Amino acid sequence: MPKTKTHKGIAKKIKVRPGGSTRIGKPGSNHKTGKKPTSFNRSMRKGSSLSSGDAKRYKRELRG
């Protein structure tokens, strides 16, 4: 039976914390930030955590 592969697209986007919760960046923070409000750019730095259903699905893809 072949080895299962890690889903590289998801692996680049999310981080699994030591406790098991997952962290993902917020959309809209990569480019064209000069015209966006400073408060928006600051809030985008924090990132967000995934819902339990999404986290379970993504962790399954990362097991690889």
N, C-alpha and C. Protein backbone atom coordinates (compact mmCIF):
# COMPACT_ATOMS: atom_id res chain seq x y z
N MET A 1 0.84 -1.19 0.00
CA MET A 1 0.00 0.00 0.00
C MET A 1 0.88 1.25 0.00
N PRO A 2 0.62 2.21 -0.88
CA PRO A 2 1.47 3.40 -0.95
C PRO A 2 1.26 4.32 0.25
N LYS A 3 2.25 5.12 0.52
CA LYS A 3 2.15 6.09 1.61
C LYS A 3 1.16 7.18 1.24
N THR A 4 0.44 7.69 2.24
CA THR A 4 -0.45 8.83 1.96
C THR A 4 0.39 10.10 1.97
N LYS A 5 0.05 11.03 1.10
CA LYS A 5 0.83 12.25 0.98
C LYS A 5 0.16 13.41 1.70
N THR A 6 0.98 14.28 2.27
CA THR A 6 0.49 15.49 2.90
C THR A 6 -0.05 16.43 1.83
N HIS A 7 -1.17 17.06 2.11
CA HIS A 7 -1.73 18.04 1.17
C HIS A 7 -0.95 19.34 1.33
N LYS A 8 -0.06 19.62 0.36
CA LYS A 8 0.88 20.73 0.49
C LYS A 8 0.19 22.10 0.48
N GLY A 9 -0.93 22.22 -0.23
CA GLY A 9 -1.65 23.49 -0.25
C GLY A 9 -2.17 23.87 1.12
N ILE A 10 -2.71 22.89 1.84
CA ILE A 10 -3.21 23.14 3.20
C ILE A 10 -2.05 23.33 4.16
N ALA A 11 -0.98 22.55 3.96
CA ALA A 11 0.17 22.64 4.86
C ALA A 11 0.79 24.03 4.85
N LYS A 12 0.70 24.74 3.71
CA LYS A 12 1.27 26.08 3.62
C LYS A 12 0.37 27.12 4.28
N LYS A 13 -0.91 26.81 4.45
CA LYS A 13 -1.86 27.80 4.93
C LYS A 13 -2.16 27.72 6.42
N ILE A 14 -2.12 26.51 7.00
CA ILE A 14 -2.51 26.39 8.41
C ILE A 14 -1.35 25.87 9.26
N LYS A 15 -1.41 26.20 10.54
CA LYS A 15 -0.45 25.70 11.51
C LYS A 15 -1.25 24.98 12.60
N VAL A 16 -0.76 23.83 13.03
CA VAL A 16 -1.39 23.12 14.13
C VAL A 16 -0.63 23.46 15.39
N ARG A 17 -1.34 24.01 16.36
CA ARG A 17 -0.71 24.41 17.62
C ARG A 17 -0.43 23.18 18.48
N PRO A 18 0.44 23.31 19.48
CA PRO A 18 0.78 22.15 20.33
C PRO A 18 -0.44 21.53 21.01
N GLY A 19 -1.43 22.33 21.34
CA GLY A 19 -2.63 21.79 21.99
C GLY A 19 -3.57 21.08 21.03
N GLY A 20 -3.31 21.21 19.73
CA GLY A 20 -4.16 20.54 18.74
C GLY A 20 -5.06 21.48 17.97
N SER A 21 -5.22 22.73 18.45
CA SER A 21 -6.06 23.68 17.71
C SER A 21 -5.31 24.16 16.48
N THR A 22 -6.04 24.64 15.49
CA THR A 22 -5.42 25.05 14.23
C THR A 22 -5.54 26.54 14.03
N ARG A 23 -4.51 27.12 13.41
CA ARG A 23 -4.46 28.56 13.17
C ARG A 23 -4.35 28.79 11.68
N ILE A 24 -5.10 29.78 11.18
CA ILE A 24 -5.06 30.10 9.76
C ILE A 24 -5.05 31.62 9.62
N GLY A 25 -4.37 32.11 8.60
CA GLY A 25 -4.32 33.54 8.38
C GLY A 25 -5.64 34.08 7.88
N LYS A 26 -5.83 35.38 7.97
CA LYS A 26 -7.05 36.00 7.48
C LYS A 26 -6.85 36.47 6.04
N PRO A 27 -7.92 36.44 5.25
CA PRO A 27 -7.79 36.87 3.85
C PRO A 27 -7.67 38.38 3.73
N GLY A 28 -7.01 38.81 2.68
CA GLY A 28 -6.92 40.24 2.39
C GLY A 28 -5.71 40.93 2.98
N SER A 29 -4.74 40.16 3.46
CA SER A 29 -3.61 40.79 4.14
C SER A 29 -2.29 40.63 3.40
N ASN A 30 -2.31 40.12 2.17
CA ASN A 30 -1.06 39.84 1.48
C ASN A 30 -0.55 40.98 0.61
N HIS A 31 -1.43 41.60 -0.14
CA HIS A 31 -0.95 42.67 -1.02
C HIS A 31 -2.00 43.77 -1.11
N LYS A 32 -1.59 44.90 -1.64
CA LYS A 32 -2.42 46.11 -1.72
C LYS A 32 -2.88 46.56 -0.34
N THR A 33 -1.97 46.51 0.63
CA THR A 33 -2.32 46.90 1.99
C THR A 33 -2.13 48.39 2.22
N GLY A 34 -1.48 49.08 1.28
CA GLY A 34 -1.25 50.51 1.44
C GLY A 34 -2.53 51.32 1.41
N LYS A 35 -3.50 50.88 0.65
CA LYS A 35 -4.76 51.62 0.54
C LYS A 35 -5.80 51.20 1.58
N LYS A 36 -5.51 50.14 2.31
CA LYS A 36 -6.44 49.66 3.34
C LYS A 36 -6.17 50.39 4.65
N PRO A 37 -7.20 50.51 5.50
CA PRO A 37 -7.00 51.20 6.77
C PRO A 37 -5.97 50.49 7.66
N THR A 38 -5.26 51.26 8.44
CA THR A 38 -4.24 50.69 9.33
C THR A 38 -4.86 49.74 10.33
N SER A 39 -6.06 50.07 10.81
CA SER A 39 -6.73 49.19 11.77
C SER A 39 -7.03 47.83 11.15
N PHE A 40 -7.39 47.83 9.87
CA PHE A 40 -7.64 46.57 9.15
C PHE A 40 -6.36 45.74 9.08
N ASN A 41 -5.25 46.39 8.71
CA ASN A 41 -3.98 45.68 8.58
C ASN A 41 -3.52 45.12 9.93
N ARG A 42 -3.73 45.86 11.00
CA ARG A 42 -3.35 45.38 12.32
C ARG A 42 -4.18 44.17 12.74
N SER A 43 -5.47 44.22 12.45
CA SER A 43 -6.33 43.11 12.86
C SER A 43 -6.05 41.85 12.05
N MET A 44 -5.52 42.02 10.82
CA MET A 44 -5.21 40.87 9.98
C MET A 44 -3.98 40.11 10.48
N ARG A 45 -3.12 40.76 11.26
CA ARG A 45 -1.91 40.09 11.77
C ARG A 45 -2.25 38.96 12.73
N LYS A 46 -3.35 39.08 13.44
CA LYS A 46 -3.67 38.13 14.50
C LYS A 46 -4.02 36.75 13.97
N GLY A 47 -4.64 36.67 12.79
CA GLY A 47 -5.07 35.38 12.27
C GLY A 47 -6.33 34.93 12.99
N SER A 48 -6.77 33.73 12.70
CA SER A 48 -7.97 33.22 13.34
C SER A 48 -7.86 31.71 13.46
N SER A 49 -8.75 31.14 14.27
CA SER A 49 -8.74 29.68 14.42
C SER A 49 -9.89 29.09 13.61
N LEU A 50 -9.74 27.86 13.23
CA LEU A 50 -10.74 27.19 12.39
C LEU A 50 -11.86 26.61 13.22
N SER A 51 -13.01 26.41 12.60
CA SER A 51 -14.11 25.73 13.27
C SER A 51 -13.72 24.26 13.45
N SER A 52 -14.42 23.59 14.34
CA SER A 52 -14.03 22.21 14.67
C SER A 52 -14.18 21.28 13.47
N GLY A 53 -15.23 21.47 12.67
CA GLY A 53 -15.43 20.61 11.50
C GLY A 53 -14.34 20.79 10.46
N ASP A 54 -14.00 22.06 10.19
CA ASP A 54 -12.93 22.32 9.22
C ASP A 54 -11.59 21.82 9.73
N ALA A 55 -11.34 22.03 11.02
CA ALA A 55 -10.06 21.61 11.60
C ALA A 55 -9.89 20.10 11.47
N LYS A 56 -10.95 19.36 11.73
CA LYS A 56 -10.88 17.90 11.65
C LYS A 56 -10.56 17.46 10.22
N ARG A 57 -11.22 18.10 9.25
CA ARG A 57 -11.01 17.76 7.84
C ARG A 57 -9.59 18.10 7.40
N TYR A 58 -9.09 19.26 7.81
CA TYR A 58 -7.75 19.68 7.41
C TYR A 58 -6.68 18.84 8.08
N LYS A 59 -6.88 18.47 9.32
CA LYS A 59 -5.88 17.64 10.01
C LYS A 59 -5.77 16.27 9.32
N ARG A 60 -6.89 15.76 8.83
CA ARG A 60 -6.87 14.48 8.12
C ARG A 60 -6.02 14.59 6.85
N GLU A 61 -6.10 15.74 6.17
CA GLU A 61 -5.32 15.97 4.96
C GLU A 61 -3.82 16.14 5.29
N LEU A 62 -3.53 16.66 6.47
CA LEU A 62 -2.13 16.91 6.85
C LEU A 62 -1.43 15.68 7.38
N ARG A 63 -2.17 14.66 7.75
CA ARG A 63 -1.57 13.47 8.37
C ARG A 63 -0.47 12.86 7.52
N GLY A 64 -0.74 12.76 6.26
CA GLY A 64 0.20 12.27 5.28
C GLY A 64 1.24 11.37 5.65
